[in-house]
Protein backbone atom coordinates (compact mmCIF):
# COMPACT_ATOMS: atom_id res chain seq x y z
CA UNK A 1 238.20 259.50 201.40
CA UNK A 2 236.27 261.89 199.45
CA UNK A 3 232.47 260.99 199.43
CA UNK A 4 229.37 262.74 197.62
CA UNK A 5 226.81 264.70 199.43
CA UNK A 6 223.67 265.38 197.38
CA UNK A 7 221.19 268.15 198.05
CA UNK A 8 217.71 267.11 198.16
CA UNK A 9 216.58 269.60 195.22
CA UNK A 10 216.38 268.87 191.66
CA UNK A 11 219.22 270.71 189.75
CA UNK A 12 221.29 270.20 186.54
CA UNK A 13 224.60 269.52 188.40
CA UNK A 14 225.09 267.63 191.78
CA UNK A 15 227.26 269.81 194.24
CA UNK A 16 230.33 267.46 195.58
CA UNK A 17 231.28 268.11 199.07
CA UNK A 18 234.52 266.54 200.11
CA UNK A 19 234.48 264.98 203.57
CA UNK A 20 237.76 263.62 205.37
CA UNK A 21 237.14 260.89 207.78
CA UNK A 22 238.80 261.44 211.04
CA UNK A 23 241.64 259.31 212.05
CA UNK A 24 240.38 256.06 214.05
CA UNK A 25 241.82 255.05 217.47
CA UNK A 26 242.95 251.67 217.45
CA UNK A 27 240.55 249.34 219.20
CA UNK A 28 237.90 251.74 218.91
CA UNK A 29 234.38 251.07 217.11
CA UNK A 30 234.19 253.51 214.05
CA UNK A 31 230.75 255.12 214.87
CA UNK A 32 228.19 257.37 213.18
CA UNK A 33 225.55 259.53 214.48
CA UNK A 34 222.19 259.19 212.91
CA UNK A 35 219.37 261.78 213.46
CA UNK A 36 216.11 262.49 211.85
CA UNK A 37 213.23 265.41 212.21
CA UNK A 38 210.04 265.55 210.14
CA UNK A 39 207.44 268.21 209.95
CA UNK A 40 205.50 267.12 212.86
CA UNK A 41 208.59 267.02 215.26
CA UNK A 42 208.64 270.98 215.24
CA UNK A 43 205.97 270.91 217.91
CA UNK A 44 208.29 268.97 220.38
CA UNK A 45 210.85 271.78 220.49
CA UNK A 46 213.19 269.30 219.20
CA UNK A 47 216.24 270.40 216.71
CA UNK A 48 218.90 268.87 214.65
CA UNK A 49 221.37 270.51 217.02
CA UNK A 50 219.96 269.13 220.43
CA UNK A 51 219.57 265.67 218.88
CA UNK A 52 223.36 265.54 217.67
CA UNK A 53 224.44 267.31 220.84
CA UNK A 54 223.06 264.59 223.06
CA UNK A 55 224.42 261.65 220.88
CA UNK A 56 227.75 263.13 220.58
CA UNK A 57 227.86 263.40 224.24
CA UNK A 58 227.20 259.74 224.71
CA UNK A 59 229.96 258.93 222.23
CA UNK A 60 232.55 261.11 223.78
CA UNK A 61 231.90 259.52 227.02
CA UNK A 62 232.38 255.82 225.72
CA UNK A 63 235.53 254.23 225.72
CA UNK A 64 234.76 252.01 222.98
CA UNK A 65 233.29 254.20 220.26
CA UNK A 66 235.30 256.37 218.07
CA UNK A 67 233.18 259.31 216.15
CA UNK A 68 233.52 259.03 212.51
CA UNK A 69 230.74 261.16 210.92
CA UNK A 70 227.09 262.41 211.40
CA UNK A 71 224.05 261.49 209.03
CA UNK A 72 221.08 263.62 209.15
CA UNK A 73 217.62 263.66 207.60
CA UNK A 74 215.88 267.06 208.11
CA UNK A 75 212.28 267.06 206.98
CA UNK A 76 211.85 263.29 206.19
CA UNK A 77 209.28 260.97 207.74
CA UNK A 78 210.18 257.82 209.64
CA UNK A 79 207.39 255.66 208.12
CA UNK A 80 209.86 254.55 205.15
CA UNK A 81 213.71 254.53 205.02
CA UNK A 82 213.91 256.21 201.47
CA UNK A 83 215.90 259.13 203.17
CA UNK A 84 219.15 260.57 201.50
CA UNK A 85 221.37 260.40 204.71
CA UNK A 86 220.24 257.30 205.70
CA UNK A 87 221.05 255.70 202.19
CA UNK A 88 224.35 257.27 202.35
CA UNK A 89 225.23 255.89 205.99
CA UNK A 90 224.12 252.51 204.67
CA UNK A 91 226.50 252.85 201.67
CA UNK A 92 229.25 253.62 204.21
CA UNK A 93 228.22 250.46 206.46
CA UNK A 94 228.53 248.29 203.47
CA UNK A 95 231.86 249.69 202.75
CA UNK A 96 233.04 248.84 206.28
CA UNK A 97 233.42 252.40 207.29
CA UNK A 98 230.84 252.41 209.99
CA UNK A 99 230.49 249.54 212.46
CA UNK A 100 228.05 251.26 215.00
CA UNK A 101 225.16 253.46 214.73
CA UNK A 102 224.05 255.92 217.62
CA UNK A 103 220.69 257.43 217.58
CA UNK A 104 218.71 259.40 220.25
CA UNK A 105 216.08 257.05 220.33
CA UNK A 106 214.27 254.51 218.17
CA UNK A 107 211.70 256.82 216.81
CA UNK A 108 214.71 258.65 215.06
CA UNK A 109 215.59 255.63 213.54
CA UNK A 110 212.28 254.78 212.16
CA UNK A 111 208.51 254.57 212.98
CA UNK A 112 207.59 251.83 210.60
CA UNK A 113 207.60 248.59 212.84
CA UNK A 114 208.05 246.28 210.22
CA UNK A 115 210.99 247.90 208.39
CA UNK A 116 212.55 248.86 211.57
CA UNK A 117 212.62 245.50 213.20
CA UNK A 118 213.88 244.25 209.90
CA UNK A 119 216.95 246.49 210.09
CA UNK A 120 217.48 245.86 213.81
CA UNK A 121 217.08 242.18 213.77
CA UNK A 122 218.12 240.97 210.38
CA UNK A 123 220.15 243.53 208.39
CA UNK A 124 222.60 244.98 211.18
CA UNK A 125 223.49 241.52 212.51
CA UNK A 126 224.37 240.34 209.07
CA UNK A 127 226.49 243.26 208.55
CA UNK A 128 228.01 243.28 211.85
CA UNK A 129 226.64 246.61 212.92
CA UNK A 130 225.96 247.65 216.34
CA UNK A 131 222.74 250.15 216.86
CA UNK A 132 222.65 252.01 220.13
CA UNK A 133 219.43 254.21 221.11
CA UNK A 134 220.64 256.57 223.81
CA UNK A 135 217.21 257.48 225.45
CA UNK A 136 215.50 254.11 224.92
CA UNK A 137 218.73 252.40 226.82
CA UNK A 138 218.81 249.88 223.78
CA UNK A 139 222.03 248.41 222.69
CA UNK A 140 221.83 245.83 220.10
CA UNK A 141 224.73 243.85 221.58
CA UNK A 142 223.00 243.18 224.56
CA UNK A 143 221.03 239.75 224.28
CA UNK A 144 218.44 241.00 226.92
CA UNK A 145 217.64 244.00 224.72
CA UNK A 146 217.31 241.91 221.57
CA UNK A 147 214.89 239.37 223.14
CA UNK A 148 212.93 241.71 225.32
CA UNK A 149 209.37 242.41 224.39
CA UNK A 150 209.82 245.98 225.03
CA UNK A 151 211.58 246.63 221.67
CA UNK A 152 208.80 245.46 219.46
CA UNK A 153 206.08 247.18 221.58
CA UNK A 154 208.49 250.26 221.29
CA UNK A 155 208.54 250.00 217.53
CA UNK A 156 204.87 249.27 217.43
CA UNK A 157 204.09 252.32 219.45
CA UNK A 158 206.45 254.43 217.03
CA UNK A 159 204.36 253.24 214.20
CA UNK A 160 201.10 253.92 215.93
CA UNK A 161 202.36 257.49 216.51
CA UNK A 162 203.16 258.00 212.87
CA UNK A 163 199.73 256.78 211.87
CA UNK A 164 197.89 258.84 214.22
CA UNK A 165 199.94 262.13 213.11
CA UNK A 166 198.93 261.06 209.60
CA UNK A 167 195.14 260.90 210.36
CA UNK A 168 195.55 264.26 212.10
CA UNK A 169 197.00 265.71 208.77
CA UNK A 170 194.37 264.23 206.53
CA UNK A 171 191.59 265.80 208.97
CA UNK A 172 193.29 269.17 209.01
CA UNK A 173 193.44 269.17 205.36
CA UNK A 174 189.59 268.23 205.00
CA UNK A 175 188.52 271.08 207.09
CA UNK A 176 190.59 273.52 205.14
CA UNK A 177 189.22 272.32 201.73
CA UNK A 178 185.26 272.67 203.17
CA UNK A 179 186.50 276.06 204.55
CA UNK A 180 187.63 277.00 200.71
CA UNK A 181 191.33 277.16 201.71
CA UNK A 182 193.70 276.29 198.52
CA UNK A 183 195.68 273.37 199.79
CA UNK A 184 197.64 272.45 196.97
CA UNK A 185 201.30 273.07 196.27
CA UNK A 186 200.96 276.52 194.66
CA UNK A 187 198.77 279.12 192.99
CA UNK A 188 198.04 278.72 189.16
CA UNK A 189 199.55 281.51 186.93
CA UNK A 190 197.90 284.91 187.60
CA UNK A 191 197.37 284.46 191.47
CA UNK A 192 199.72 284.34 194.33
CA UNK A 193 199.34 282.50 197.60
CA UNK A 194 198.88 284.77 200.59
CA UNK A 195 201.01 282.87 203.41
CA UNK A 196 198.82 284.37 206.05
CA UNK A 197 195.41 283.39 204.80
CA UNK A 198 196.66 280.54 202.83
CA UNK A 199 194.07 281.70 200.05
CA UNK A 200 194.84 282.48 196.49
CA UNK A 201 194.85 286.15 195.63
CA UNK A 202 195.09 288.12 192.18
CA UNK A 203 198.72 288.79 191.21
CA UNK A 204 198.85 292.18 189.77
CA UNK A 205 201.87 291.34 187.53
CA UNK A 206 200.34 288.44 185.89
CA UNK A 207 196.59 288.93 186.03
CA UNK A 208 196.64 291.23 183.04
CA UNK A 209 197.76 288.54 180.83
CA UNK A 210 195.37 285.67 182.16
CA UNK A 211 192.38 288.46 181.08
CA UNK A 212 194.15 288.84 177.55
CA UNK A 213 194.13 285.21 177.16
CA UNK A 214 190.51 284.71 177.90
CA UNK A 215 189.51 287.78 175.80
CA UNK A 216 191.28 286.46 172.73
CA UNK A 217 189.73 283.22 173.11
CA UNK A 218 186.34 284.78 173.38
CA UNK A 219 187.21 286.68 170.31
CA UNK A 220 187.64 283.16 168.44
CA UNK A 221 191.68 283.49 168.33
CA UNK A 222 193.16 280.29 167.66
CA UNK A 223 195.24 278.83 170.57
CA UNK A 224 198.26 278.44 168.79
CA UNK A 225 197.90 282.13 167.70
CA UNK A 226 197.43 283.05 171.48
CA UNK A 227 200.63 281.16 172.08
CA UNK A 228 202.65 282.99 169.65
CA UNK A 229 201.13 286.44 170.88
CA UNK A 230 202.27 285.74 174.31
CA UNK A 231 205.94 284.73 173.22
CA UNK A 232 206.18 288.14 171.13
CA UNK A 233 205.01 289.99 174.17
CA UNK A 234 208.15 288.24 175.88
CA UNK A 235 205.83 286.94 178.89
CA UNK A 236 207.35 284.39 181.48
CA UNK A 237 205.65 281.29 180.86
CA UNK A 238 203.78 279.83 184.05
CA UNK A 239 206.76 277.42 184.61
CA UNK A 240 209.33 280.16 184.51
CA UNK A 241 206.96 282.29 186.64
CA UNK A 242 206.72 279.30 189.30
CA UNK A 243 210.45 279.28 189.34
CA UNK A 244 210.52 282.93 190.04
CA UNK A 245 207.85 282.87 192.70
CA UNK A 246 207.89 279.32 194.45
CA UNK A 247 211.31 278.38 193.82
CA UNK A 248 213.07 281.73 194.18
CA UNK A 249 214.95 280.96 191.12
CA UNK A 250 216.23 283.62 188.18
CA UNK A 251 213.84 283.64 185.52
CA UNK A 252 214.63 282.82 181.91
CA UNK A 253 212.37 285.33 180.34
CA UNK A 254 210.75 285.13 176.80
CA UNK A 255 210.61 281.29 176.48
CA UNK A 256 208.32 280.19 173.84
CA UNK A 257 204.60 279.78 174.84
CA UNK A 258 203.07 276.24 174.15
CA UNK A 259 199.54 275.57 173.20
CA UNK A 260 199.22 273.20 176.01
CA UNK A 261 199.48 275.95 178.58
CA UNK A 262 197.06 277.98 176.77
CA UNK A 263 194.50 275.13 177.00
CA UNK A 264 194.98 274.23 180.72
CA UNK A 265 194.42 277.80 181.58
CA UNK A 266 191.30 278.28 179.64
CA UNK A 267 190.16 274.99 181.04
CA UNK A 268 191.06 275.79 184.78
CA UNK A 269 188.05 276.55 186.73
CA UNK A 270 190.04 278.54 189.24
CA UNK A 271 189.65 281.23 186.84
CA UNK A 272 186.16 281.64 187.42
CA UNK A 273 186.59 282.25 191.01
CA UNK A 274 186.34 278.80 192.34
CA UNK A 275 188.56 276.97 194.66
CA UNK A 276 189.71 273.54 193.30
CA UNK A 277 190.93 270.75 195.62
CA UNK A 278 190.99 266.86 195.07
CA UNK A 279 192.28 266.81 191.61
CA UNK A 280 194.28 263.89 192.78
CA UNK A 281 194.53 261.55 195.65
CA UNK A 282 197.25 260.16 197.77
CA UNK A 283 197.00 257.72 200.44
CA UNK A 284 198.55 258.66 203.88
CA UNK A 285 200.60 256.44 206.09
CA UNK A 286 198.99 252.81 206.77
CA UNK A 287 195.74 253.81 204.98
CA UNK A 288 195.11 256.78 207.70
CA UNK A 289 193.38 258.64 204.92
CA UNK A 290 193.37 260.30 201.57
CA UNK A 291 193.88 263.51 200.12
């Protein structure tokens, strides 16, 4: 049966990949591999391949499990379950295509104590789905595993680990901000982010146009006229330049400049040599910090 797999990137059309489920063995349980990696997991020298290989070997050695498909969220935190591969997995579970889910360990399933426990103790039993965590020796069909105090404690440890990582990330960002590093997503128009020093440096290709905009403004040229002149000069807009430098996409040149873009540039304190941080705040996991 054909299924849709969506890339985790904004695009005008969603790519469709046709996947054929393997033929199931009679009497065996249709089983899925689920794996997850987030940014902080890189320090553990873990990879998508090692997770999948470990779980695949477990399924191959089982006399009651039949492998169906692999679902992997690469670069997604375990502190919530809003992950594309997990969502796709749950859709297949509800359609009765999957009856058993095997993970390397419970931390790969999730690091949020309350949500992970809700799935394990409520959602999966209701849907008739079995969960196996290989390295934790956990099997939801075993009564002693479900009733053991080890399960909630293990989930709680995973939650505390995620909160600790969140605190470390927040503290690291605060140190970088105090040291004058730019910690935003990208550099403003006229600058380019140095991947080594993590500081904004003048971009020789666009700095001239920034200087031109400020010179016109100092001469009293109206903002709408500055935007018109930039359009006539066929200068890529900040958005189009961002697409080329950051998103590495083809630039569609000569788009019309808007007055809003000019106003933002003239009001941006970065252009006088300051490093601006904390323009917005966001809470980390479990209130571990803000940035």
